[in-house]
Amino acid sequence: MRNDSKRKSKTSGSSTRVWLEKARKYATAHAAKHTFVTTDNVLAAVGESTNGGSITGAIFRNGMFTKVGYTPSTRPSCHRREIGVWRLK
């Protein structure tokens, strides 16, 4: 059973990295074309990560983006809470 949990952990980590790479690629392209990008933009295009929503904060933590403001989320599950608006550095 312990080996199964290690195997699952490795698979989850791999799928998280793949999703994060895809999300960052989209975020970069969107920001280049539209000047700004939010997690709502990214999630609408690439979908949610299978490993939970907490990974979305990592999209913009790679040194390529700077936060320029906040806007209410358009996702119903967020109940219009404020989310970051980002642009490329």
PDB file of N, CA and C in Angstrom:
ATOM      1  N   MET A   1       0.824  -1.187   0.000  1.00  0.00           N
ATOM      2  CA  MET A   1       0.000   0.000   0.000  1.00  0.00           C
ATOM      3  C   MET A   1       0.870   1.253   0.000  1.00  0.00           C
ATOM      4  N   ARG A   2       1.945   1.204   0.708  1.00  0.00           N
ATOM      5  CA  ARG A   2       2.828   2.357   0.760  1.00  0.00           C
ATOM      6  C   ARG A   2       3.403   2.663  -0.623  1.00  0.00           C
ATOM      7  N   ASN A   3       3.761   1.632  -1.380  1.00  0.00           N
ATOM      8  CA  ASN A   3       4.267   1.842  -2.731  1.00  0.00           C
ATOM      9  C   ASN A   3       3.222   2.478  -3.631  1.00  0.00           C
ATOM     10  N   ASP A   4       1.947   2.121  -3.437  1.00  0.00           N
ATOM     11  CA  ASP A   4       0.875   2.726  -4.222  1.00  0.00           C
ATOM     12  C   ASP A   4       0.780   4.218  -3.968  1.00  0.00           C
ATOM     13  N   SER A   5       0.918   4.639  -2.708  1.00  0.00           N
ATOM     14  CA  SER A   5       0.831   6.063  -2.403  1.00  0.00           C
ATOM     15  C   SER A   5       2.012   6.818  -2.992  1.00  0.00           C
ATOM     16  N   LYS A   6       3.192   6.201  -3.008  1.00  0.00           N
ATOM     17  CA  LYS A   6       4.350   6.851  -3.630  1.00  0.00           C
ATOM     18  C   LYS A   6       4.137   6.983  -5.131  1.00  0.00           C
ATOM     19  N   ARG A   7       3.609   5.929  -5.740  1.00  0.00           N
ATOM     20  CA  ARG A   7       3.361   5.952  -7.171  1.00  0.00           C
ATOM     21  C   ARG A   7       2.333   7.038  -7.501  1.00  0.00           C
ATOM     22  N   LYS A   8       1.263   7.136  -6.727  1.00  0.00           N
ATOM     23  CA  LYS A   8       0.242   8.149  -6.934  1.00  0.00           C
ATOM     24  C   LYS A   8       0.839   9.539  -6.782  1.00  0.00           C
ATOM     25  N   SER A   9       1.691   9.726  -5.786  1.00  0.00           N
ATOM     26  CA  SER A   9       2.329  11.013  -5.547  1.00  0.00           C
ATOM     27  C   SER A   9       3.174  11.429  -6.743  1.00  0.00           C
ATOM     28  N   LYS A  10       3.943  10.484  -7.302  1.00  0.00           N
ATOM     29  CA  LYS A  10       4.770  10.794  -8.463  1.00  0.00           C
ATOM     30  C   LYS A  10       3.899  11.148  -9.664  1.00  0.00           C
ATOM     31  N   THR A  11       2.831  10.421  -9.861  1.00  0.00           N
ATOM     32  CA  THR A  11       1.921  10.696 -10.966  1.00  0.00           C
ATOM     33  C   THR A  11       1.256  12.050 -10.779  1.00  0.00           C
ATOM     34  N   SER A  12       0.813  12.349  -9.576  1.00  0.00           N
ATOM     35  CA  SER A  12       0.177  13.637  -9.300  1.00  0.00           C
ATOM     36  C   SER A  12       1.145  14.776  -9.547  1.00  0.00           C
ATOM     37  N   GLY A  13       2.386  14.612  -9.108  1.00  0.00           N
ATOM     38  CA  GLY A  13       3.389  15.648  -9.309  1.00  0.00           C
ATOM     39  C   GLY A  13       3.656  15.883 -10.779  1.00  0.00           C
ATOM     40  N   SER A  14       3.708  14.818 -11.545  1.00  0.00           N
ATOM     41  CA  SER A  14       3.946  14.923 -12.977  1.00  0.00           C
ATOM     42  C   SER A  14       2.782  15.629 -13.669  1.00  0.00           C
ATOM     43  N   SER A  15       1.558  15.254 -13.327  1.00  0.00           N
ATOM     44  CA  SER A  15       0.404  15.885 -13.964  1.00  0.00           C
ATOM     45  C   SER A  15       0.283  17.351 -13.544  1.00  0.00           C
ATOM     46  N   THR A  16       0.682  17.661 -12.319  1.00  0.00           N
ATOM     47  CA  THR A  16       0.672  19.048 -11.866  1.00  0.00           C
ATOM     48  C   THR A  16       1.662  19.877 -12.668  1.00  0.00           C
ATOM     49  N   ARG A  17       2.853  19.348 -12.888  1.00  0.00           N
ATOM     50  CA  ARG A  17       3.861  20.080 -13.671  1.00  0.00           C
ATOM     51  C   ARG A  17       3.396  20.293 -15.107  1.00  0.00           C
ATOM     52  N   VAL A  18       2.788  19.279 -15.687  1.00  0.00           N
ATOM     53  CA  VAL A  18       2.284  19.390 -17.060  1.00  0.00           C
ATOM     54  C   VAL A  18       1.197  20.455 -17.129  1.00  0.00           C
ATOM     55  N   TRP A  19       0.261  20.417 -16.179  1.00  0.00           N
ATOM     56  CA  TRP A  19      -0.817  21.402 -16.164  1.00  0.00           C
ATOM     57  C   TRP A  19      -0.252  22.809 -15.969  1.00  0.00           C
ATOM     58  N   LEU A  20       0.690  22.957 -15.041  1.00  0.00           N
ATOM     59  CA  LEU A  20       1.264  24.274 -14.758  1.00  0.00           C
ATOM     60  C   LEU A  20       2.004  24.816 -15.978  1.00  0.00           C
ATOM     61  N   GLU A  21       2.721  23.966 -16.670  1.00  0.00           N
ATOM     62  CA  GLU A  21       3.421  24.385 -17.888  1.00  0.00           C
ATOM     63  C   GLU A  21       2.421  24.865 -18.943  1.00  0.00           C
ATOM     64  N   LYS A  22       1.353  24.104 -19.121  1.00  0.00           N
ATOM     65  CA  LYS A  22       0.310  24.475 -20.080  1.00  0.00           C
ATOM     66  C   LYS A  22      -0.355  25.795 -19.678  1.00  0.00           C
ATOM     67  N   ALA A  23      -0.664  25.944 -18.394  1.00  0.00           N
ATOM     68  CA  ALA A  23      -1.309  27.161 -17.896  1.00  0.00           C
ATOM     69  C   ALA A  23      -0.406  28.378 -18.080  1.00  0.00           C
ATOM     70  N   ARG A  24       0.879  28.231 -17.776  1.00  0.00           N
ATOM     71  CA  ARG A  24       1.815  29.365 -17.939  1.00  0.00           C
ATOM     72  C   ARG A  24       1.993  29.730 -19.407  1.00  0.00           C
ATOM     73  N   LYS A  25       2.027  28.739 -20.265  1.00  0.00           N
ATOM     74  CA  LYS A  25       2.160  29.010 -21.694  1.00  0.00           C
ATOM     75  C   LYS A  25       0.956  29.813 -22.186  1.00  0.00           C
ATOM     76  N   TYR A  26      -0.240  29.397 -21.761  1.00  0.00           N
ATOM     77  CA  TYR A  26      -1.438  30.128 -22.155  1.00  0.00           C
ATOM     78  C   TYR A  26      -1.436  31.535 -21.558  1.00  0.00           C
ATOM     79  N   ALA A  27      -1.089  31.654 -20.278  1.00  0.00           N
ATOM     80  CA  ALA A  27      -1.080  32.962 -19.612  1.00  0.00           C
ATOM     81  C   ALA A  27      -0.127  33.925 -20.308  1.00  0.00           C
ATOM     82  N   THR A  28       1.026  33.436 -20.699  1.00  0.00           N
ATOM     83  CA  THR A  28       2.008  34.271 -21.393  1.00  0.00           C
ATOM     84  C   THR A  28       1.458  34.745 -22.738  1.00  0.00           C
ATOM     85  N   ALA A  29       0.875  33.836 -23.491  1.00  0.00           N
ATOM     86  CA  ALA A  29       0.314  34.199 -24.793  1.00  0.00           C
ATOM     87  C   ALA A  29      -0.848  35.180 -24.649  1.00  0.00           C
ATOM     88  N   HIS A  30      -1.710  34.925 -23.669  1.00  0.00           N
ATOM     89  CA  HIS A  30      -2.868  35.800 -23.450  1.00  0.00           C
ATOM     90  C   HIS A  30      -2.416  37.199 -23.043  1.00  0.00           C
ATOM     91  N   ALA A  31      -1.466  37.278 -22.126  1.00  0.00           N
ATOM     92  CA  ALA A  31      -0.970  38.587 -21.675  1.00  0.00           C
ATOM     93  C   ALA A  31      -0.265  39.329 -22.812  1.00  0.00           C
ATOM     94  N   ALA A  32       0.451  38.608 -23.653  1.00  0.00           N
ATOM     95  CA  ALA A  32       1.127  39.249 -24.783  1.00  0.00           C
ATOM     96  C   ALA A  32       0.114  39.831 -25.773  1.00  0.00           C
ATOM     97  N   LYS A  33      -0.977  39.123 -25.963  1.00  0.00           N
ATOM     98  CA  LYS A  33      -1.996  39.567 -26.920  1.00  0.00           C
ATOM     99  C   LYS A  33      -2.934  40.617 -26.340  1.00  0.00           C
ATOM    100  N   HIS A  34      -3.327  40.454 -25.058  1.00  0.00           N
ATOM    101  CA  HIS A  34      -4.352  41.311 -24.463  1.00  0.00           C
ATOM    102  C   HIS A  34      -3.815  42.249 -23.390  1.00  0.00           C
ATOM    103  N   THR A  35      -2.537  42.281 -23.146  1.00  0.00           N
ATOM    104  CA  THR A  35      -1.848  43.098 -22.151  1.00  0.00           C
ATOM    105  C   THR A  35      -1.985  42.533 -20.740  1.00  0.00           C
ATOM    106  N   PHE A  36      -3.168  42.036 -20.361  1.00  0.00           N
ATOM    107  CA  PHE A  36      -3.409  41.541 -19.000  1.00  0.00           C
ATOM    108  C   PHE A  36      -3.947  40.119 -19.034  1.00  0.00           C
ATOM    109  N   VAL A  37      -3.841  39.434 -17.893  1.00  0.00           N
ATOM    110  CA  VAL A  37      -4.363  38.075 -17.771  1.00  0.00           C
ATOM    111  C   VAL A  37      -4.749  37.821 -16.321  1.00  0.00           C
ATOM    112  N   THR A  38      -5.773  36.996 -16.125  1.00  0.00           N
ATOM    113  CA  THR A  38      -6.199  36.589 -14.781  1.00  0.00           C
ATOM    114  C   THR A  38      -6.293  35.065 -14.734  1.00  0.00           C
ATOM    115  N   THR A  39      -6.444  34.529 -13.542  1.00  0.00           N
ATOM    116  CA  THR A  39      -6.643  33.086 -13.424  1.00  0.00           C
ATOM    117  C   THR A  39      -7.939  32.670 -14.120  1.00  0.00           C
ATOM    118  N   ASP A  40      -8.942  33.527 -14.123  1.00  0.00           N
ATOM    119  CA  ASP A  40     -10.187  33.209 -14.827  1.00  0.00           C
ATOM    120  C   ASP A  40      -9.923  32.976 -16.313  1.00  0.00           C
ATOM    121  N   ASN A  41      -9.095  33.828 -16.931  1.00  0.00           N
ATOM    122  CA  ASN A  41      -8.752  33.656 -18.338  1.00  0.00           C
ATOM    123  C   ASN A  41      -8.078  32.314 -18.576  1.00  0.00           C
ATOM    124  N   VAL A  42      -7.118  31.995 -17.715  1.00  0.00           N
ATOM    125  CA  VAL A  42      -6.347  30.765 -17.871  1.00  0.00           C
ATOM    126  C   VAL A  42      -7.228  29.540 -17.668  1.00  0.00           C
ATOM    127  N   LEU A  43      -8.011  29.532 -16.596  1.00  0.00           N
ATOM    128  CA  LEU A  43      -8.850  28.367 -16.313  1.00  0.00           C
ATOM    129  C   LEU A  43      -9.926  28.153 -17.364  1.00  0.00           C
ATOM    130  N   ALA A  44     -10.418  29.229 -17.960  1.00  0.00           N
ATOM    131  CA  ALA A  44     -11.412  29.096 -19.029  1.00  0.00           C
ATOM    132  C   ALA A  44     -10.802  28.411 -20.247  1.00  0.00           C
ATOM    133  N   ALA A  45      -9.515  28.614 -20.460  1.00  0.00           N
ATOM    134  CA  ALA A  45      -8.855  28.049 -21.632  1.00  0.00           C
ATOM    135  C   ALA A  45      -8.282  26.653 -21.402  1.00  0.00           C
ATOM    136  N   VAL A  46      -7.649  26.440 -20.253  1.00  0.00           N
ATOM    137  CA  VAL A  46      -6.959  25.155 -20.033  1.00  0.00           C
ATOM    138  C   VAL A  46      -7.681  24.238 -19.065  1.00  0.00           C
ATOM    139  N   GLY A  47      -8.700  24.742 -18.393  1.00  0.00           N
ATOM    140  CA  GLY A  47      -9.434  23.926 -17.429  1.00  0.00           C
ATOM    141  C   GLY A  47      -8.747  23.893 -16.066  1.00  0.00           C
ATOM    142  N   GLU A  48      -9.453  23.348 -15.112  1.00  0.00           N
ATOM    143  CA  GLU A  48      -8.930  23.248 -13.745  1.00  0.00           C
ATOM    144  C   GLU A  48      -7.928  22.104 -13.657  1.00  0.00           C
ATOM    145  N   SER A  49      -6.976  22.229 -12.753  1.00  0.00           N
ATOM    146  CA  SER A  49      -6.038  21.147 -12.484  1.00  0.00           C
ATOM    147  C   SER A  49      -6.774  20.012 -11.791  1.00  0.00           C
ATOM    148  N   THR A  50      -6.391  18.801 -12.091  1.00  0.00           N
ATOM    149  CA  THR A  50      -7.015  17.644 -11.439  1.00  0.00           C
ATOM    150  C   THR A  50      -6.543  17.498  -9.999  1.00  0.00           C
ATOM    151  N   ASN A  51      -5.545  18.272  -9.614  1.00  0.00           N
ATOM    152  CA  ASN A  51      -4.991  18.178  -8.263  1.00  0.00           C
ATOM    153  C   ASN A  51      -5.471  19.281  -7.337  1.00  0.00           C
ATOM    154  N   GLY A  52      -6.532  19.954  -7.687  1.00  0.00           N
ATOM    155  CA  GLY A  52      -7.097  20.975  -6.812  1.00  0.00           C
ATOM    156  C   GLY A  52      -6.792  22.379  -7.275  1.00  0.00           C
ATOM    157  N   GLY A  53      -7.497  23.334  -6.697  1.00  0.00           N
ATOM    158  CA  GLY A  53      -7.389  24.725  -7.110  1.00  0.00           C
ATOM    159  C   GLY A  53      -6.208  25.484  -6.574  1.00  0.00           C
ATOM    160  N   SER A  54      -5.524  24.960  -5.560  1.00  0.00           N
ATOM    161  CA  SER A  54      -4.441  25.729  -4.953  1.00  0.00           C
ATOM    162  C   SER A  54      -3.257  25.922  -5.889  1.00  0.00           C
ATOM    163  N   ILE A  55      -3.158  25.136  -6.930  1.00  0.00           N
ATOM    164  CA  ILE A  55      -2.050  25.262  -7.877  1.00  0.00           C
ATOM    165  C   ILE A  55      -2.186  26.509  -8.744  1.00  0.00           C
ATOM    166  N   THR A  56      -3.377  27.066  -8.853  1.00  0.00           N
ATOM    167  CA  THR A  56      -3.568  28.215  -9.739  1.00  0.00           C
ATOM    168  C   THR A  56      -2.729  29.418  -9.314  1.00  0.00           C
ATOM    169  N   GLY A  57      -2.466  29.564  -8.040  1.00  0.00           N
ATOM    170  CA  GLY A  57      -1.629  30.675  -7.583  1.00  0.00           C
ATOM    171  C   GLY A  57      -0.211  30.607  -8.104  1.00  0.00           C
ATOM    172  N   ALA A  58       0.248  29.412  -8.441  1.00  0.00           N
ATOM    173  CA  ALA A  58       1.618  29.233  -8.923  1.00  0.00           C
ATOM    174  C   ALA A  58       1.790  29.651 -10.380  1.00  0.00           C
ATOM    175  N   ILE A  59       0.705  29.832 -11.094  1.00  0.00           N
ATOM    176  CA  ILE A  59       0.806  30.187 -12.511  1.00  0.00           C
ATOM    177  C   ILE A  59       1.681  31.420 -12.696  1.00  0.00           C
ATOM    178  N   PHE A  60       1.489  32.402 -11.867  1.00  0.00           N
ATOM    179  CA  PHE A  60       2.148  33.693 -12.048  1.00  0.00           C
ATOM    180  C   PHE A  60       3.398  33.856 -11.185  1.00  0.00           C
ATOM    181  N   ARG A  61       3.811  32.805 -10.489  1.00  0.00           N
ATOM    182  CA  ARG A  61       5.003  32.871  -9.630  1.00  0.00           C
ATOM    183  C   ARG A  61       6.221  32.261 -10.312  1.00  0.00           C
ATOM    184  N   ASN A  62       6.561  32.805 -11.460  1.00  0.00           N
ATOM    185  CA  ASN A  62       7.735  32.316 -12.165  1.00  0.00           C
ATOM    186  C   ASN A  62       8.656  33.451 -12.593  1.00  0.00           C
ATOM    187  N   GLY A  63       8.412  34.648 -12.099  1.00  0.00           N
ATOM    188  CA  GLY A  63       9.264  35.788 -12.399  1.00  0.00           C
ATOM    189  C   GLY A  63       8.948  36.488 -13.710  1.00  0.00           C
ATOM    190  N   MET A  64       7.955  36.009 -14.451  1.00  0.00           N
ATOM    191  CA  MET A  64       7.624  36.614 -15.739  1.00  0.00           C
ATOM    192  C   MET A  64       6.456  37.595 -15.668  1.00  0.00           C
ATOM    193  N   PHE A  65       5.734  37.601 -14.553  1.00  0.00           N
ATOM    194  CA  PHE A  65       4.527  38.426 -14.431  1.00  0.00           C
ATOM    195  C   PHE A  65       4.653  39.386 -13.246  1.00  0.00           C
ATOM    196  N   THR A  66       3.920  40.473 -13.345  1.00  0.00           N
ATOM    197  CA  THR A  66       3.799  41.395 -12.219  1.00  0.00           C
ATOM    198  C   THR A  66       2.321  41.724 -12.019  1.00  0.00           C
ATOM    199  N   LYS A  67       1.900  41.755 -10.761  1.00  0.00           N
ATOM    200  CA  LYS A  67       0.497  42.050 -10.466  1.00  0.00           C
ATOM    201  C   LYS A  67       0.262  43.548 -10.595  1.00  0.00           C
ATOM    202  N   VAL A  68      -0.793  43.907 -11.316  1.00  0.00           N
ATOM    203  CA  VAL A  68      -1.083  45.319 -11.550  1.00  0.00           C
ATOM    204  C   VAL A  68      -2.415  45.753 -10.961  1.00  0.00           C
ATOM    205  N   GLY A  69      -3.157  44.829 -10.380  1.00  0.00           N
ATOM    206  CA  GLY A  69      -4.434  45.194  -9.781  1.00  0.00           C
ATOM    207  C   GLY A  69      -5.258  43.981  -9.426  1.00  0.00           C
ATOM    208  N   TYR A  70      -6.528  44.249  -9.165  1.00  0.00           N
ATOM    209  CA  TYR A  70      -7.481  43.202  -8.786  1.00  0.00           C
ATOM    210  C   TYR A  70      -8.786  43.423  -9.538  1.00  0.00           C
ATOM    211  N   THR A  71      -9.518  42.337  -9.722  1.00  0.00           N
ATOM    212  CA  THR A  71     -10.826  42.398 -10.357  1.00  0.00           C
ATOM    213  C   THR A  71     -11.685  41.279  -9.761  1.00  0.00           C
ATOM    214  N   PRO A  72     -12.992  41.450  -9.723  1.00  0.00           N
ATOM    215  CA  PRO A  72     -13.839  40.360  -9.230  1.00  0.00           C
ATOM    216  C   PRO A  72     -13.785  39.160 -10.178  1.00  0.00           C
ATOM    217  N   SER A  73     -13.702  37.979  -9.625  1.00  0.00           N
ATOM    218  CA  SER A  73     -13.702  36.761 -10.428  1.00  0.00           C
ATOM    219  C   SER A  73     -15.055  36.580 -11.103  1.00  0.00           C
ATOM    220  N   THR A  74     -15.029  36.022 -12.294  1.00  0.00           N
ATOM    221  CA  THR A  74     -16.269  35.732 -13.011  1.00  0.00           C
ATOM    222  C   THR A  74     -16.719  34.286 -12.812  1.00  0.00           C
ATOM    223  N   ARG A  75     -15.891  33.472 -12.128  1.00  0.00           N
ATOM    224  CA  ARG A  75     -16.269  32.076 -11.887  1.00  0.00           C
ATOM    225  C   ARG A  75     -17.282  32.015 -10.749  1.00  0.00           C
ATOM    226  N   PRO A  76     -18.417  31.347 -10.959  1.00  0.00           N
ATOM    227  CA  PRO A  76     -19.449  31.258  -9.914  1.00  0.00           C
ATOM    228  C   PRO A  76     -18.922  30.705  -8.592  1.00  0.00           C
ATOM    229  N   SER A  77     -17.996  29.755  -8.646  1.00  0.00           N
ATOM    230  CA  SER A  77     -17.467  29.153  -7.417  1.00  0.00           C
ATOM    231  C   SER A  77     -16.665  30.131  -6.578  1.00  0.00           C
ATOM    232  N   CYS A  78     -16.258  31.249  -7.163  1.00  0.00           N
ATOM    233  CA  CYS A  78     -15.464  32.254  -6.431  1.00  0.00           C
ATOM    234  C   CYS A  78     -16.325  33.354  -5.814  1.00  0.00           C
ATOM    235  N   HIS A  79     -17.605  33.396  -6.152  1.00  0.00           N
ATOM    236  CA  HIS A  79     -18.542  34.361  -5.574  1.00  0.00           C
ATOM    237  C   HIS A  79     -18.043  35.801  -5.690  1.00  0.00           C
ATOM    238  N   ARG A  80     -17.459  36.118  -6.865  1.00  0.00           N
ATOM    239  CA  ARG A  80     -16.980  37.469  -7.194  1.00  0.00           C
ATOM    240  C   ARG A  80     -15.880  37.976  -6.266  1.00  0.00           C
ATOM    241  N   ARG A  81     -15.148  37.072  -5.626  1.00  0.00           N
ATOM    242  CA  ARG A  81     -14.019  37.534  -4.799  1.00  0.00           C
ATOM    243  C   ARG A  81     -12.959  38.139  -5.704  1.00  0.00           C
ATOM    244  N   GLU A  82     -12.137  38.990  -5.145  1.00  0.00           N
ATOM    245  CA  GLU A  82     -11.095  39.668  -5.906  1.00  0.00           C
ATOM    246  C   GLU A  82      -9.987  38.683  -6.295  1.00  0.00           C
ATOM    247  N   ILE A  83      -9.569  38.763  -7.555  1.00  0.00           N
ATOM    248  CA  ILE A  83      -8.430  37.978  -8.031  1.00  0.00           C
ATOM    249  C   ILE A  83      -7.432  38.926  -8.674  1.00  0.00           C
ATOM    250  N   GLY A  84      -6.193  38.499  -8.778  1.00  0.00           N
ATOM    251  CA  GLY A  84      -5.145  39.351  -9.332  1.00  0.00           C
ATOM    252  C   GLY A  84      -5.266  39.532 -10.837  1.00  0.00           C
ATOM    253  N   VAL A  85      -4.868  40.724 -11.271  1.00  0.00           N
ATOM    254  CA  VAL A  85      -4.716  41.024 -12.693  1.00  0.00           C
ATOM    255  C   VAL A  85      -3.216  41.143 -12.930  1.00  0.00           C
ATOM    256  N   TRP A  86      -2.702  40.412 -13.914  1.00  0.00           N
ATOM    257  CA  TRP A  86      -1.276  40.308 -14.137  1.00  0.00           C
ATOM    258  C   TRP A  86      -0.907  40.781 -15.531  1.00  0.00           C
ATOM    259  N   ARG A  87       0.325  41.252 -15.688  1.00  0.00           N
ATOM    260  CA  ARG A  87       0.877  41.572 -17.005  1.00  0.00           C
ATOM    261  C   ARG A  87       2.288  41.014 -17.045  1.00  0.00           C
ATOM    262  N   LEU A  88       2.814  40.878 -18.250  1.00  0.00           N
ATOM    263  CA  LEU A  88       4.189  40.416 -18.410  1.00  0.00           C
ATOM    264  C   LEU A  88       5.155  41.518 -17.963  1.00  0.00           C
ATOM    265  N   LYS A  89       6.260  41.125 -17.385  1.00  0.00           N
ATOM    266  CA  LYS A  89       7.278  42.110 -16.968  1.00  0.00           C
ATOM    267  C   LYS A  89       8.004  42.647 -18.165  1.00  0.00           C
TER     268      LYS A  89
END
